[in-house]
């Protein structure tokens, strides 16, 4: 049995969303399908901000520890988990945005466990025993083996962390919609998700178009590997690529002023527009001719499966993909979440373990 401590930085008051204070965490009841992980790194995701600020209206369980881009070392591996995965104590592993699924439904049986109707998020979800799942801004996490991923030796922990949500969120719709050689792929937005969209679309062999309202993002887009940069407010640039893209993945999480109709017009016949950004407010309304005129397909996507996560990590290791990140000690989590809300990181914050409880002693 591991002697790992479960402690983290939690929100206690909705009115003070960024004031995350040290708290003891009660993990779910141990089962032999579980793995206990001592956390070394955790990325800061836009979902963390939506949850902390209650933008999605789902902040129902306080105190709550967020964070779901987790890397660490396995310190306890259940017998069933070991048998099914081959994991052993000491292995470097990761956990993303989901932590449990039923394993019995059609989604679970077809490598779509991320769409399980009974699935649980890594934080803010109640287990059957009433325990609320707590996230990775913490010292440790207990996870079902199905949602624990092996990390290739060639990938640094700080690089792997944000791949487990941000990376997988764009990788899944890319591979499910045929991204590859001979395909023209648009990535809407160049932030944490968008920069991964460029990296993975290029690694898969596509011709990549970055669609952004910010002209000053062009140098970064080109450094990341984009073949084209389109300023969405420039009508002539948008018209030039109408009816040409096979796939568009939209990574932005805003809806006000969002030119959805214009993006749909960029699709070639039967092209697909996939939305992965989840804003606090509804998407703009569209008319029937916005999709029937070119046979456009409008879709959504939610993170990705374990099979896709492993495929993504293997591709990243093979191609030497390195995200653009900024490291911060976990004790500066307040600064990190506030900076994330203001859009400061280029393009992702990753917290490094240095948990400091109220008595001032660091976690090791």
Protein backbone atom coordinates (compact mmCIF):
# COMPACT_ATOMS: atom_id res chain seq x y z
CA UNK A 1 0.00 0.00 0.00
CA UNK A 2 1.27 3.46 -0.88
CA UNK A 3 1.79 6.09 1.80
CA UNK A 4 1.16 8.98 -0.57
CA UNK A 5 -0.60 12.02 0.84
CA UNK A 6 -3.64 13.37 -0.98
CA UNK A 7 -3.50 17.15 -0.63
CA UNK A 8 -4.28 19.93 -3.06
CA UNK A 9 -5.18 23.55 -3.75
CA UNK A 10 -8.96 23.99 -3.66
CA UNK A 11 -11.52 26.68 -4.31
CA UNK A 12 -13.60 27.26 -1.17
CA UNK A 13 -15.67 30.30 -2.11
CA UNK A 14 -17.28 31.04 -5.48
CA UNK A 15 -16.77 34.76 -4.88
CA UNK A 16 -12.99 34.25 -4.66
CA UNK A 17 -12.49 31.94 -7.61
CA UNK A 18 -8.69 32.23 -7.80
CA UNK A 19 -8.02 31.98 -4.05
CA UNK A 20 -7.07 28.31 -3.98
CA UNK A 21 -6.10 27.11 -0.52
CA UNK A 22 -4.39 23.89 0.67
CA UNK A 23 -6.81 21.16 1.63
CA UNK A 24 -6.76 17.46 2.55
CA UNK A 25 -8.31 15.30 -0.18
CA UNK A 26 -10.34 12.18 0.47
CA UNK A 27 -9.84 9.85 -2.51
CA UNK A 28 -12.44 7.37 -3.69
CA UNK A 29 -12.48 3.96 -2.05
CA UNK A 30 -9.58 1.83 -3.30
CA UNK A 31 -10.39 -0.86 -5.85
CA UNK A 32 -8.02 -3.30 -7.53
CA UNK A 33 -8.69 -1.61 -10.88
CA UNK A 34 -7.18 1.62 -9.52
CA UNK A 35 -3.76 3.23 -9.68
CA UNK A 36 -2.47 5.81 -7.19
CA UNK A 37 -0.25 8.43 -8.79
CA UNK A 38 2.15 10.87 -7.12
CA UNK A 39 1.77 13.99 -9.24
CA UNK A 40 4.85 15.79 -10.57
CA UNK A 41 3.24 18.09 -13.16
CA UNK A 42 -0.22 19.39 -14.03
CA UNK A 43 -1.23 21.65 -16.90
CA UNK A 44 -3.65 24.54 -16.47
CA UNK A 45 -6.60 24.13 -18.85
CA UNK A 46 -9.30 26.54 -19.97
CA UNK A 47 -11.81 24.11 -18.48
CA UNK A 48 -10.28 24.78 -15.06
CA UNK A 49 -11.08 28.47 -15.47
CA UNK A 50 -14.63 27.83 -16.70
CA UNK A 51 -15.18 25.64 -13.64
CA UNK A 52 -13.55 27.93 -11.07
CA UNK A 53 -15.46 30.98 -12.33
CA UNK A 54 -18.65 28.91 -12.59
CA UNK A 55 -18.96 29.94 -16.22
CA UNK A 56 -20.53 26.60 -17.08
CA UNK A 57 -22.76 26.73 -14.00
CA UNK A 58 -21.46 23.42 -12.67
CA UNK A 59 -19.53 24.47 -9.56
CA UNK A 60 -21.69 22.51 -7.15
CA UNK A 61 -19.15 20.80 -4.91
CA UNK A 62 -16.89 22.82 -2.62
CA UNK A 63 -14.09 22.69 -1.71
CA UNK A 64 -12.91 21.57 -5.14
CA UNK A 65 -9.47 20.88 -6.60
CA UNK A 66 -9.31 21.30 -10.39
CA UNK A 67 -6.64 20.28 -12.91
CA UNK A 68 -6.78 17.44 -15.44
CA UNK A 69 -3.52 17.44 -17.37
CA UNK A 70 -1.65 15.21 -14.95
CA UNK A 71 1.76 13.53 -15.05
CA UNK A 72 3.30 11.55 -12.22
CA UNK A 73 4.67 8.26 -10.95
CA UNK A 74 2.56 5.22 -10.12
CA UNK A 75 2.97 4.49 -6.41
CA UNK A 76 0.28 1.85 -6.01
CA UNK A 77 -1.09 -0.42 -8.73
CA UNK A 78 -4.10 -2.65 -8.13
CA UNK A 79 -3.90 -6.31 -9.13
CA UNK A 80 -6.54 -5.95 -11.85
CA UNK A 81 -4.95 -2.74 -13.12
CA UNK A 82 -1.55 -4.44 -13.31
CA UNK A 83 -2.97 -7.44 -15.15
CA UNK A 84 -4.83 -5.36 -17.73
CA UNK A 85 -2.23 -2.66 -18.34
CA UNK A 86 1.16 -4.00 -17.31
CA UNK A 87 1.74 -0.90 -15.18
CA UNK A 88 3.97 -1.27 -12.16
CA UNK A 89 5.04 0.93 -9.27
CA UNK A 90 7.50 3.56 -10.47
CA UNK A 91 6.13 3.88 -14.00
CA UNK A 92 5.66 7.40 -15.37
CA UNK A 93 2.00 7.82 -16.26
CA UNK A 94 -0.60 10.45 -17.05
CA UNK A 95 -4.29 11.21 -16.52
CA UNK A 96 -6.47 13.50 -18.61
CA UNK A 97 -9.96 14.95 -18.27
CA UNK A 98 -11.80 11.69 -17.60
CA UNK A 99 -11.22 9.28 -14.77
CA UNK A 100 -13.90 6.56 -14.92
CA UNK A 101 -16.50 5.01 -17.22
CA UNK A 102 -18.93 2.13 -16.86
CA UNK A 103 -17.04 -0.22 -19.17
CA UNK A 104 -20.29 -1.91 -20.21
CA UNK A 105 -22.08 0.43 -22.62
CA UNK A 106 -21.68 0.49 -26.39
CA UNK A 107 -19.45 3.56 -26.21
CA UNK A 108 -17.07 1.89 -23.76
CA UNK A 109 -16.93 -1.31 -25.80
CA UNK A 110 -16.02 0.53 -29.02
CA UNK A 111 -13.08 2.64 -27.81
CA UNK A 112 -15.37 5.61 -27.21
CA UNK A 113 -15.26 5.53 -23.42
CA UNK A 114 -14.86 9.32 -23.40
CA UNK A 115 -18.52 9.44 -24.50
CA UNK A 116 -19.80 7.04 -21.83
CA UNK A 117 -23.14 8.43 -20.53
CA UNK A 118 -22.13 7.45 -17.01
CA UNK A 119 -18.54 8.62 -17.28
CA UNK A 120 -16.90 10.75 -14.60
CA UNK A 121 -14.70 13.78 -15.05
CA UNK A 122 -11.35 13.92 -13.31
CA UNK A 123 -12.73 16.56 -10.97
CA UNK A 124 -16.17 17.76 -9.85
CA UNK A 125 -17.94 14.43 -10.44
CA UNK A 126 -19.58 12.30 -7.73
CA UNK A 127 -18.53 8.65 -7.46
CA UNK A 128 -21.22 6.10 -6.54
CA UNK A 129 -19.99 6.22 -2.92
CA UNK A 130 -20.59 9.98 -2.83
CA UNK A 131 -16.93 11.01 -2.94
CA UNK A 132 -16.34 13.96 -5.28
CA UNK A 133 -13.50 13.49 -7.74
CA UNK A 134 -10.66 15.94 -7.15
CA UNK A 135 -8.13 17.08 -9.74
CA UNK A 136 -4.44 17.49 -10.33
CA UNK A 137 -3.55 20.75 -8.59
CA UNK A 138 -2.56 18.33 -5.88
CA UNK A 139 -0.01 15.83 -4.61
CA UNK A 140 -1.74 12.67 -5.78
CA UNK A 141 -4.70 11.19 -7.58
CA UNK A 142 -6.44 7.81 -7.63
CA UNK A 143 -7.64 6.76 -11.08
CA UNK A 144 -9.20 3.79 -12.83
CA UNK A 145 -6.57 2.11 -15.01
CA UNK A 146 -8.57 2.72 -18.21
CA UNK A 147 -7.83 6.42 -17.86
CA UNK A 148 -4.15 6.13 -17.00
CA UNK A 149 -1.80 6.53 -19.95
CA UNK A 150 1.81 5.38 -20.40
CA UNK A 151 4.19 8.25 -21.17
CA UNK A 152 6.88 7.52 -23.79
CA UNK A 153 10.45 7.98 -22.60
CA UNK A 154 11.17 10.47 -25.38
CA UNK A 155 8.59 12.98 -24.08
CA UNK A 156 9.44 15.22 -21.14
CA UNK A 157 6.87 15.29 -18.35
CA UNK A 158 6.29 19.02 -18.73
CA UNK A 159 5.57 18.51 -22.43
CA UNK A 160 3.32 15.49 -21.93
CA UNK A 161 1.09 17.16 -19.32
CA UNK A 162 -0.94 19.48 -21.52
CA UNK A 163 -1.14 16.89 -24.28
CA UNK A 164 -3.51 14.87 -22.10
CA UNK A 165 -6.35 17.36 -22.48
CA UNK A 166 -5.43 20.18 -24.86
CA UNK A 167 -3.52 17.90 -27.20
CA UNK A 168 -6.01 15.05 -27.16
CA UNK A 169 -8.95 17.43 -27.59
CA UNK A 170 -7.70 18.41 -31.05
CA UNK A 171 -5.95 15.15 -31.98
CA UNK A 172 -9.13 13.08 -31.71
CA UNK A 173 -11.24 15.12 -34.19
CA UNK A 174 -8.27 15.37 -36.55
CA UNK A 175 -7.77 11.61 -36.82
CA UNK A 176 -11.48 10.79 -36.74
CA UNK A 177 -12.07 13.12 -39.68
CA UNK A 178 -9.29 11.98 -41.96
CA UNK A 179 -6.58 14.56 -41.36
CA UNK A 180 -3.56 13.56 -43.41
CA UNK A 181 -1.69 13.89 -46.69
CA UNK A 182 -3.63 15.71 -49.39
CA UNK A 183 -6.08 17.27 -46.93
CA UNK A 184 -6.52 20.97 -46.24
CA UNK A 185 -7.22 21.58 -42.57
CA UNK A 186 -8.23 24.82 -40.88
CA UNK A 187 -7.53 25.52 -37.21
CA UNK A 188 -9.65 28.32 -35.72
CA UNK A 189 -7.80 30.14 -32.97
CA UNK A 190 -4.16 29.99 -31.92
CA UNK A 191 -4.18 29.47 -28.18
CA UNK A 192 -3.51 26.43 -26.03
CA UNK A 193 -5.74 24.14 -28.10
CA UNK A 194 -5.07 25.82 -31.43
CA UNK A 195 -1.31 25.57 -31.22
CA UNK A 196 -1.69 21.83 -30.64
CA UNK A 197 -4.03 21.72 -33.64
CA UNK A 198 -1.27 23.10 -35.84
CA UNK A 199 1.40 20.79 -34.41
CA UNK A 200 -0.64 17.62 -34.82
CA UNK A 201 -2.26 18.48 -38.16
CA UNK A 202 1.21 19.07 -39.61
CA UNK A 203 2.56 15.90 -38.02
CA UNK A 204 -0.29 13.98 -39.68
CA UNK A 205 0.68 15.42 -43.06
CA UNK A 206 -2.05 17.98 -43.75
CA UNK A 207 -1.80 21.42 -45.34
CA UNK A 208 -2.63 23.68 -42.41
CA UNK A 209 -4.50 26.99 -42.38
CA UNK A 210 -4.65 29.00 -39.16
CA UNK A 211 -7.81 31.14 -38.97
CA UNK A 212 -7.41 33.94 -36.44
CA UNK A 213 -8.78 37.41 -35.74
CA UNK A 214 -5.36 38.45 -34.42
CA UNK A 215 -2.86 39.38 -37.17
CA UNK A 216 -0.06 39.41 -34.60
CA UNK A 217 -0.38 35.63 -34.22
CA UNK A 218 0.98 35.00 -37.73
CA UNK A 219 4.67 34.69 -36.77
CA UNK A 220 3.84 32.08 -34.13
CA UNK A 221 1.56 30.20 -36.51
CA UNK A 222 4.35 29.94 -39.07
CA UNK A 223 6.91 28.87 -36.43
CA UNK A 224 4.53 26.12 -35.33
CA UNK A 225 4.37 24.87 -38.91
CA UNK A 226 1.23 26.43 -40.41
CA UNK A 227 1.30 26.73 -44.19
CA UNK A 228 -1.17 29.62 -44.33
CA UNK A 229 -2.45 32.32 -41.98
CA UNK A 230 -5.86 33.86 -42.57
CA UNK A 231 -7.08 36.96 -40.73
CA UNK A 232 -10.78 36.24 -40.30
CA UNK A 233 -11.80 39.91 -40.34
CA UNK A 234 -10.17 40.38 -43.77
CA UNK A 235 -12.97 39.62 -46.24
CA UNK A 236 -10.64 39.19 -49.21
CA UNK A 237 -8.54 36.60 -47.38
CA UNK A 238 -11.60 34.61 -46.35
CA UNK A 239 -13.12 34.74 -49.85
CA UNK A 240 -9.88 33.45 -51.35
CA UNK A 241 -10.20 30.11 -49.55
CA UNK A 242 -13.97 29.60 -49.79
CA UNK A 243 -15.08 26.06 -50.65
CA UNK A 244 -11.55 24.69 -50.23
CA UNK A 245 -11.02 23.17 -46.78
CA UNK A 246 -11.72 19.52 -46.02
CA UNK A 247 -11.82 19.97 -42.26
CA UNK A 248 -12.00 22.83 -39.79
CA UNK A 249 -11.39 22.36 -36.06
CA UNK A 250 -12.54 25.33 -34.00
CA UNK A 251 -10.67 25.72 -30.72
CA UNK A 252 -11.97 29.07 -29.46
CA UNK A 253 -14.27 29.32 -26.45
CA UNK A 254 -16.06 32.55 -27.29
CA UNK A 255 -19.39 32.90 -29.08
CA UNK A 256 -20.03 36.66 -29.26
CA UNK A 257 -19.16 37.85 -32.75
CA UNK A 258 -18.10 34.36 -33.77
CA UNK A 259 -18.40 34.12 -37.61
CA UNK A 260 -19.68 30.55 -37.77
CA UNK A 261 -21.45 31.08 -41.11
CA UNK A 262 -18.23 32.38 -42.66
CA UNK A 263 -16.29 29.35 -41.44
CA UNK A 264 -18.87 26.94 -42.86
CA UNK A 265 -18.52 28.64 -46.25
CA UNK A 266 -14.82 27.72 -46.30
CA UNK A 267 -15.59 24.00 -46.45
CA UNK A 268 -15.32 21.99 -49.63
CA UNK A 269 -18.19 19.64 -50.50
CA UNK A 270 -19.02 17.43 -47.52
CA UNK A 271 -16.29 19.08 -45.47
CA UNK A 272 -16.58 18.93 -41.70
CA UNK A 273 -16.55 21.69 -39.10
CA UNK A 274 -15.76 20.34 -35.63
CA UNK A 275 -16.24 22.48 -32.54
CA UNK A 276 -14.07 21.61 -29.55
CA UNK A 277 -14.15 24.95 -27.72
CA UNK A 278 -16.87 25.18 -25.07
CA UNK A 279 -17.87 28.81 -24.42
CA UNK A 280 -20.03 29.92 -21.51
CA UNK A 281 -22.80 31.05 -23.90
CA UNK A 282 -24.54 29.43 -26.91
CA UNK A 283 -23.02 29.30 -30.37
CA UNK A 284 -24.38 31.69 -33.03
CA UNK A 285 -27.51 30.68 -34.91
CA UNK A 286 -27.14 29.49 -38.49
CA UNK A 287 -29.61 29.07 -41.33
CA UNK A 288 -30.30 25.87 -43.30
CA UNK A 289 -28.49 27.10 -46.41
CA UNK A 290 -25.31 27.60 -44.39
CA UNK A 291 -24.88 23.84 -44.36
CA UNK A 292 -26.85 22.53 -47.36
CA UNK A 293 -25.17 24.70 -50.01
CA UNK A 294 -21.91 22.75 -49.73
CA UNK A 295 -23.11 19.70 -47.84
CA UNK A 296 -21.24 20.89 -44.77
CA UNK A 297 -21.13 18.69 -41.71
CA UNK A 298 -21.31 20.37 -38.32
CA UNK A 299 -19.92 18.31 -35.45
CA UNK A 300 -18.59 18.39 -31.92
CA UNK A 301 -15.89 16.43 -30.14
CA UNK A 302 -15.15 15.67 -26.49
CA UNK A 303 -11.52 15.02 -25.53
CA UNK A 304 -10.53 11.58 -26.91
CA UNK A 305 -10.25 7.89 -26.10
CA UNK A 306 -7.36 6.05 -24.45
CA UNK A 307 -6.56 4.44 -27.79
CA UNK A 308 -6.26 7.90 -29.35
CA UNK A 309 -4.26 9.23 -26.40
CA UNK A 310 -1.68 6.48 -26.84
CA UNK A 311 -1.59 7.08 -30.60
CA UNK A 312 -1.10 10.81 -29.99
CA UNK A 313 1.73 10.28 -27.51
CA UNK A 314 3.47 7.84 -29.84
CA UNK A 315 3.21 10.35 -32.71
CA UNK A 316 4.57 13.13 -30.49
CA UNK A 317 7.50 10.94 -29.49
CA UNK A 318 8.18 9.90 -33.08
CA UNK A 319 8.00 13.43 -34.51
CA UNK A 320 9.63 15.19 -31.56
CA UNK A 321 6.59 17.40 -30.98
CA UNK A 322 7.12 19.94 -28.22
CA UNK A 323 4.30 22.25 -27.10
CA UNK A 324 4.95 25.88 -26.24
CA UNK A 325 4.61 26.01 -22.46
CA UNK A 326 5.55 28.11 -19.44
CA UNK A 327 6.50 26.33 -16.22
CA UNK A 328 5.33 27.58 -12.83
CA UNK A 329 5.62 26.08 -9.33
CA UNK A 330 2.32 24.65 -8.15
CA UNK A 331 2.45 26.94 -5.11
CA UNK A 332 1.86 29.84 -7.55
CA UNK A 333 -1.41 28.33 -8.71
CA UNK A 334 -3.31 31.59 -8.03
CA UNK A 335 -1.03 33.47 -10.40
CA UNK A 336 -1.38 30.68 -12.95
CA UNK A 337 -5.18 30.55 -13.06
CA UNK A 338 -5.48 34.34 -13.13
CA UNK A 339 -2.93 34.52 -15.94
CA UNK A 340 -4.77 31.80 -17.84
CA UNK A 341 -8.05 33.71 -17.59
CA UNK A 342 -6.32 36.80 -18.98
CA UNK A 343 -4.82 34.83 -21.86
CA UNK A 344 -1.22 35.43 -20.82
CA UNK A 345 0.48 32.05 -21.41
CA UNK A 346 2.12 31.18 -24.69
CA UNK A 347 0.51 28.80 -25.00
CA UNK A 348 0.03 26.74 -21.85
CA UNK A 349 0.97 26.91 -18.17
CA UNK A 350 2.28 23.72 -16.58
CA UNK A 351 2.53 23.54 -12.80
CA UNK A 352 5.51 21.76 -11.27
CA UNK A 353 5.00 19.96 -7.96
CA UNK A 354 6.11 21.89 -4.88
CA UNK A 355 2.98 21.63 -2.74
CA UNK A 356 3.31 23.83 0.31
CA UNK A 357 0.67 23.24 3.02
CA UNK A 358 -0.28 25.88 5.56
CA UNK A 359 2.46 24.81 7.95
CA UNK A 360 5.05 25.70 5.30
CA UNK A 361 6.43 22.19 4.83
CA UNK A 362 6.83 21.10 1.22
CA UNK A 363 5.45 17.86 -0.15
CA UNK A 364 7.97 15.27 -1.36
